[in-house]
Amino acid sequence: QVQVLESGGGLVQPGGSLRLSCVGSGSISSFADMGWYRRTPGKERDLVATITRSGRKNYVDSVKGRFTISRDDAKNAVYLQMNSLKPEDTAVYYCNLDSGYRAGSFWGQGTQVIVSS
């Protein structure tokens, strides 16, 4: 059994910042790739940022220079620091943790981010 818990979402004004956290626990002792995805009403769920076990990072173009993904393997955690937030960043953000083998990957329940004045 694997549990994935996200936190850090909320309401913020344009130009503000939020830090999302995600912690995995349960039967898997470590994870390979970790990532953040988001879903806006009426749109598909899109990749925001990923980080590999070795620390290689990838970002969707719209968040480059504003968002930073990081990981702490001692805590089985992945973080997303979001700066200079825009209204178009409003979405439900989901954490995904990949086992790196046949167990597959695991999703959190999502955390709501609203950017509005």
N, C-alpha and C. Protein backbone atom coordinates (compact mmCIF):
# COMPACT_ATOMS: atom_id res chain seq x y z
N GLN A 1 0.84 -1.18 0.00
CA GLN A 1 0.00 0.00 0.00
C GLN A 1 0.88 1.25 0.00
N VAL A 2 0.59 2.19 -0.89
CA VAL A 2 1.34 3.44 -1.00
C VAL A 2 0.38 4.60 -0.80
N GLN A 3 0.78 5.53 0.03
CA GLN A 3 0.01 6.74 0.27
C GLN A 3 0.79 7.94 -0.24
N VAL A 4 0.11 8.81 -0.99
CA VAL A 4 0.72 10.02 -1.53
C VAL A 4 -0.09 11.20 -1.02
N LEU A 5 0.55 12.08 -0.27
CA LEU A 5 -0.14 13.20 0.37
C LEU A 5 0.45 14.52 -0.10
N GLU A 6 -0.40 15.37 -0.67
CA GLU A 6 -0.01 16.70 -1.12
C GLU A 6 -0.49 17.76 -0.14
N SER A 7 0.23 18.87 -0.09
CA SER A 7 -0.18 19.99 0.73
C SER A 7 0.42 21.27 0.16
N GLY A 8 -0.07 22.41 0.62
CA GLY A 8 0.49 23.69 0.25
C GLY A 8 -0.35 24.53 -0.69
N GLY A 9 -1.43 23.98 -1.21
CA GLY A 9 -2.29 24.75 -2.08
C GLY A 9 -3.06 25.81 -1.32
N GLY A 10 -3.69 26.71 -2.07
CA GLY A 10 -4.46 27.75 -1.45
C GLY A 10 -4.77 28.87 -2.40
N LEU A 11 -5.25 29.97 -1.85
CA LEU A 11 -5.60 31.17 -2.61
C LEU A 11 -4.47 32.19 -2.48
N VAL A 12 -4.00 32.70 -3.61
CA VAL A 12 -2.92 33.68 -3.61
C VAL A 12 -3.19 34.72 -4.69
N GLN A 13 -2.72 35.95 -4.46
CA GLN A 13 -2.88 37.01 -5.44
C GLN A 13 -1.87 36.88 -6.57
N PRO A 14 -2.18 37.40 -7.76
CA PRO A 14 -1.20 37.39 -8.84
C PRO A 14 0.12 38.01 -8.39
N GLY A 15 1.22 37.36 -8.79
CA GLY A 15 2.54 37.78 -8.38
C GLY A 15 3.03 37.14 -7.10
N GLY A 16 2.16 36.45 -6.40
CA GLY A 16 2.52 35.81 -5.16
C GLY A 16 3.19 34.46 -5.36
N SER A 17 3.45 33.78 -4.24
CA SER A 17 4.17 32.51 -4.25
C SER A 17 3.46 31.47 -3.41
N LEU A 18 3.64 30.22 -3.78
CA LEU A 18 3.20 29.07 -3.00
C LEU A 18 4.24 27.98 -3.12
N ARG A 19 4.33 27.14 -2.10
CA ARG A 19 5.21 25.99 -2.12
C ARG A 19 4.38 24.73 -1.89
N LEU A 20 4.33 23.86 -2.88
CA LEU A 20 3.61 22.61 -2.78
C LEU A 20 4.54 21.51 -2.29
N SER A 21 4.02 20.64 -1.43
CA SER A 21 4.78 19.51 -0.91
C SER A 21 4.04 18.23 -1.19
N CYS A 22 4.78 17.15 -1.39
CA CYS A 22 4.21 15.84 -1.62
C CYS A 22 5.10 14.81 -0.96
N VAL A 23 4.51 13.94 -0.16
CA VAL A 23 5.25 12.91 0.56
C VAL A 23 4.64 11.54 0.27
N GLY A 24 5.48 10.60 -0.13
CA GLY A 24 5.06 9.23 -0.34
C GLY A 24 5.43 8.36 0.84
N SER A 25 4.57 7.41 1.16
CA SER A 25 4.84 6.49 2.25
C SER A 25 4.17 5.16 1.97
N GLY A 26 4.59 4.13 2.71
CA GLY A 26 3.99 2.82 2.56
C GLY A 26 4.99 1.77 2.14
N SER A 27 4.59 0.89 1.24
CA SER A 27 5.36 -0.30 0.92
C SER A 27 6.58 -0.07 0.04
N ILE A 28 6.69 1.07 -0.61
CA ILE A 28 7.82 1.37 -1.48
C ILE A 28 8.79 2.27 -0.74
N SER A 29 10.05 1.84 -0.69
CA SER A 29 11.04 2.53 0.12
C SER A 29 11.66 3.74 -0.56
N SER A 30 11.63 3.78 -1.89
CA SER A 30 12.18 4.90 -2.62
C SER A 30 11.49 5.00 -3.97
N PHE A 31 11.62 6.13 -4.62
CA PHE A 31 10.97 6.39 -5.89
C PHE A 31 11.97 6.82 -6.95
N ALA A 32 11.63 6.54 -8.20
CA ALA A 32 12.46 6.97 -9.32
C ALA A 32 12.07 8.40 -9.70
N ASP A 33 11.41 8.57 -10.85
CA ASP A 33 10.98 9.90 -11.24
C ASP A 33 9.86 10.40 -10.34
N MET A 34 9.84 11.70 -10.13
CA MET A 34 8.78 12.37 -9.41
C MET A 34 8.30 13.54 -10.27
N GLY A 35 7.02 13.88 -10.15
CA GLY A 35 6.52 14.97 -10.98
C GLY A 35 5.29 15.65 -10.43
N TRP A 36 5.04 16.83 -10.97
CA TRP A 36 3.84 17.59 -10.69
C TRP A 36 3.07 17.81 -11.98
N TYR A 37 1.76 17.64 -11.91
CA TYR A 37 0.85 17.83 -13.03
C TYR A 37 -0.29 18.73 -12.57
N ARG A 38 -1.00 19.33 -13.51
CA ARG A 38 -2.13 20.17 -13.13
C ARG A 38 -3.27 20.02 -14.12
N ARG A 39 -4.48 20.23 -13.61
CA ARG A 39 -5.68 20.13 -14.42
C ARG A 39 -6.54 21.37 -14.20
N THR A 40 -6.85 22.06 -15.29
CA THR A 40 -7.74 23.21 -15.28
C THR A 40 -9.11 22.76 -15.78
N PRO A 41 -10.20 23.27 -15.18
CA PRO A 41 -11.53 22.88 -15.66
C PRO A 41 -11.67 23.05 -17.16
N GLY A 42 -12.13 22.01 -17.83
CA GLY A 42 -12.31 22.05 -19.26
C GLY A 42 -11.08 21.69 -20.07
N LYS A 43 -9.96 21.38 -19.40
CA LYS A 43 -8.74 21.03 -20.10
C LYS A 43 -8.18 19.71 -19.59
N GLU A 44 -7.26 19.13 -20.36
CA GLU A 44 -6.59 17.90 -19.97
C GLU A 44 -5.58 18.16 -18.87
N ARG A 45 -5.22 17.10 -18.15
CA ARG A 45 -4.18 17.20 -17.15
C ARG A 45 -2.82 17.28 -17.85
N ASP A 46 -2.04 18.28 -17.51
CA ASP A 46 -0.77 18.55 -18.17
C ASP A 46 0.40 18.42 -17.21
N LEU A 47 1.53 17.99 -17.75
CA LEU A 47 2.76 17.95 -16.99
C LEU A 47 3.25 19.36 -16.69
N VAL A 48 3.65 19.61 -15.45
CA VAL A 48 4.22 20.89 -15.05
C VAL A 48 5.73 20.78 -14.91
N ALA A 49 6.19 19.81 -14.13
CA ALA A 49 7.61 19.64 -13.89
C ALA A 49 7.90 18.22 -13.44
N THR A 50 9.07 17.71 -13.81
CA THR A 50 9.51 16.40 -13.35
C THR A 50 10.96 16.49 -12.88
N ILE A 51 11.34 15.54 -12.03
CA ILE A 51 12.71 15.43 -11.57
C ILE A 51 13.06 13.96 -11.46
N THR A 52 14.19 13.57 -12.04
CA THR A 52 14.62 12.18 -12.00
C THR A 52 15.35 11.88 -10.70
N ARG A 53 15.65 10.59 -10.50
CA ARG A 53 16.39 10.18 -9.32
C ARG A 53 17.74 10.88 -9.22
N SER A 54 18.36 11.14 -10.37
CA SER A 54 19.66 11.78 -10.40
C SER A 54 19.59 13.30 -10.30
N GLY A 55 18.37 13.86 -10.29
CA GLY A 55 18.20 15.29 -10.13
C GLY A 55 17.99 16.07 -11.41
N ARG A 56 17.87 15.41 -12.55
CA ARG A 56 17.62 16.10 -13.80
C ARG A 56 16.19 16.61 -13.83
N LYS A 57 16.00 17.88 -14.21
CA LYS A 57 14.70 18.53 -14.14
C LYS A 57 14.17 18.88 -15.52
N ASN A 58 12.86 18.87 -15.65
CA ASN A 58 12.19 19.27 -16.87
C ASN A 58 10.95 20.07 -16.51
N TYR A 59 10.69 21.16 -17.26
CA TYR A 59 9.55 22.02 -17.00
C TYR A 59 8.79 22.30 -18.28
N VAL A 60 7.48 22.45 -18.15
CA VAL A 60 6.71 22.96 -19.26
C VAL A 60 7.12 24.42 -19.49
N ASP A 61 7.12 24.84 -20.76
CA ASP A 61 7.65 26.16 -21.10
C ASP A 61 6.99 27.30 -20.32
N SER A 62 5.71 27.19 -20.05
CA SER A 62 4.97 28.28 -19.43
C SER A 62 5.39 28.57 -17.99
N VAL A 63 6.11 27.65 -17.34
CA VAL A 63 6.52 27.87 -15.95
C VAL A 63 8.02 28.03 -15.79
N LYS A 64 8.78 27.90 -16.86
CA LYS A 64 10.23 28.03 -16.77
C LYS A 64 10.62 29.41 -16.25
N GLY A 65 11.53 29.44 -15.29
CA GLY A 65 11.95 30.69 -14.69
C GLY A 65 11.10 31.13 -13.53
N ARG A 66 9.95 30.50 -13.33
CA ARG A 66 9.05 30.86 -12.24
C ARG A 66 8.90 29.73 -11.21
N PHE A 67 8.88 28.48 -11.67
CA PHE A 67 8.69 27.33 -10.79
C PHE A 67 10.00 26.57 -10.64
N THR A 68 10.20 25.96 -9.47
CA THR A 68 11.37 25.13 -9.22
C THR A 68 10.93 23.84 -8.55
N ILE A 69 11.30 22.70 -9.14
CA ILE A 69 11.01 21.41 -8.55
C ILE A 69 12.26 20.90 -7.83
N SER A 70 12.06 20.23 -6.70
CA SER A 70 13.17 19.66 -5.94
C SER A 70 12.68 18.41 -5.24
N ARG A 71 13.63 17.60 -4.73
CA ARG A 71 13.25 16.37 -4.05
C ARG A 71 14.14 16.13 -2.84
N ASP A 72 13.61 15.38 -1.89
CA ASP A 72 14.34 14.99 -0.70
C ASP A 72 14.08 13.50 -0.51
N ASP A 73 15.03 12.68 -0.95
CA ASP A 73 14.82 11.24 -0.94
C ASP A 73 14.80 10.65 0.46
N ALA A 74 15.42 11.33 1.42
CA ALA A 74 15.36 10.87 2.81
C ALA A 74 13.94 10.91 3.34
N LYS A 75 13.12 11.80 2.78
CA LYS A 75 11.73 11.94 3.19
C LYS A 75 10.74 11.40 2.16
N ASN A 76 11.24 10.86 1.05
CA ASN A 76 10.39 10.47 -0.08
C ASN A 76 9.46 11.61 -0.48
N ALA A 77 10.05 12.79 -0.60
CA ALA A 77 9.27 14.00 -0.83
C ALA A 77 9.70 14.71 -2.11
N VAL A 78 8.75 15.39 -2.72
CA VAL A 78 9.01 16.26 -3.86
C VAL A 78 8.28 17.57 -3.61
N TYR A 79 8.91 18.66 -4.03
CA TYR A 79 8.38 19.99 -3.76
C TYR A 79 8.28 20.78 -5.06
N LEU A 80 7.36 21.74 -5.09
CA LEU A 80 7.25 22.66 -6.21
C LEU A 80 7.12 24.07 -5.65
N GLN A 81 8.19 24.85 -5.81
CA GLN A 81 8.18 26.25 -5.43
C GLN A 81 7.65 27.06 -6.61
N MET A 82 6.55 27.77 -6.40
CA MET A 82 5.88 28.52 -7.46
C MET A 82 5.95 30.00 -7.13
N ASN A 83 6.66 30.75 -7.96
CA ASN A 83 6.81 32.19 -7.79
C ASN A 83 6.16 32.92 -8.96
N SER A 84 5.92 34.21 -8.77
CA SER A 84 5.34 35.06 -9.82
C SER A 84 4.09 34.41 -10.41
N LEU A 85 3.21 33.96 -9.55
CA LEU A 85 2.03 33.23 -9.99
C LEU A 85 1.10 34.11 -10.82
N LYS A 86 0.49 33.49 -11.82
CA LYS A 86 -0.43 34.14 -12.73
C LYS A 86 -1.80 33.50 -12.62
N PRO A 87 -2.87 34.24 -12.98
CA PRO A 87 -4.20 33.63 -12.95
C PRO A 87 -4.30 32.34 -13.76
N GLU A 88 -3.55 32.24 -14.85
CA GLU A 88 -3.59 31.03 -15.66
C GLU A 88 -2.92 29.83 -15.01
N ASP A 89 -2.25 30.03 -13.87
CA ASP A 89 -1.71 28.92 -13.09
C ASP A 89 -2.78 28.26 -12.22
N THR A 90 -3.96 28.86 -12.14
CA THR A 90 -5.04 28.29 -11.35
C THR A 90 -5.38 26.89 -11.85
N ALA A 91 -5.35 25.92 -10.95
CA ALA A 91 -5.59 24.53 -11.32
C ALA A 91 -5.56 23.67 -10.07
N VAL A 92 -5.97 22.42 -10.23
CA VAL A 92 -5.70 21.41 -9.22
C VAL A 92 -4.37 20.77 -9.57
N TYR A 93 -3.45 20.76 -8.63
CA TYR A 93 -2.11 20.23 -8.85
C TYR A 93 -2.00 18.84 -8.24
N TYR A 94 -1.45 17.91 -9.02
CA TYR A 94 -1.33 16.52 -8.63
C TYR A 94 0.13 16.09 -8.60
N CYS A 95 0.49 15.34 -7.58
CA CYS A 95 1.81 14.76 -7.45
C CYS A 95 1.79 13.34 -7.99
N ASN A 96 2.85 12.95 -8.70
CA ASN A 96 3.01 11.58 -9.18
C ASN A 96 4.38 11.06 -8.78
N LEU A 97 4.40 9.87 -8.17
CA LEU A 97 5.63 9.22 -7.75
C LEU A 97 5.76 7.90 -8.46
N ASP A 98 6.85 7.70 -9.17
CA ASP A 98 7.08 6.50 -9.97
C ASP A 98 7.96 5.53 -9.20
N SER A 99 7.50 4.29 -9.08
CA SER A 99 8.27 3.27 -8.38
C SER A 99 9.55 2.90 -9.12
N GLY A 100 9.57 3.06 -10.44
CA GLY A 100 10.71 2.67 -11.24
C GLY A 100 10.72 1.21 -11.65
N TYR A 101 9.68 0.48 -11.28
CA TYR A 101 9.56 -0.92 -11.69
C TYR A 101 8.08 -1.27 -11.86
N ARG A 102 7.77 -2.57 -11.86
CA ARG A 102 6.43 -3.02 -12.27
C ARG A 102 5.30 -2.57 -11.34
N ALA A 103 5.60 -2.08 -10.16
CA ALA A 103 4.57 -1.55 -9.28
C ALA A 103 3.90 -0.32 -9.87
N GLY A 104 4.54 0.34 -10.82
CA GLY A 104 3.95 1.48 -11.48
C GLY A 104 4.18 2.79 -10.74
N SER A 105 3.29 3.74 -10.97
CA SER A 105 3.37 5.04 -10.34
C SER A 105 2.12 5.31 -9.52
N PHE A 106 2.20 6.34 -8.68
CA PHE A 106 1.14 6.61 -7.72
C PHE A 106 0.79 8.08 -7.72
N TRP A 107 -0.50 8.38 -7.62
CA TRP A 107 -1.01 9.74 -7.67
C TRP A 107 -1.55 10.20 -6.33
N GLY A 108 -1.34 11.47 -6.03
CA GLY A 108 -2.01 12.09 -4.91
C GLY A 108 -3.42 12.50 -5.28
N GLN A 109 -4.16 12.99 -4.30
CA GLN A 109 -5.56 13.35 -4.51
C GLN A 109 -5.72 14.74 -5.13
N GLY A 110 -4.67 15.51 -5.17
CA GLY A 110 -4.70 16.85 -5.73
C GLY A 110 -4.83 17.93 -4.67
N THR A 111 -4.25 19.08 -4.96
CA THR A 111 -4.37 20.24 -4.09
C THR A 111 -4.71 21.46 -4.95
N GLN A 112 -5.69 22.24 -4.52
CA GLN A 112 -6.20 23.35 -5.31
C GLN A 112 -5.33 24.58 -5.17
N VAL A 113 -4.96 25.17 -6.30
CA VAL A 113 -4.26 26.45 -6.33
C VAL A 113 -5.14 27.44 -7.09
N ILE A 114 -5.46 28.56 -6.43
CA ILE A 114 -6.26 29.61 -7.05
C ILE A 114 -5.46 30.90 -7.02
N VAL A 115 -5.23 31.49 -8.18
CA VAL A 115 -4.50 32.74 -8.30
C VAL A 115 -5.49 33.80 -8.77
N SER A 116 -5.86 34.69 -7.87
CA SER A 116 -6.89 35.67 -8.17
C SER A 116 -6.77 36.86 -7.23
N SER A 117 -7.13 38.03 -7.74
CA SER A 117 -7.16 39.23 -6.92
C SER A 117 -8.50 39.40 -6.23
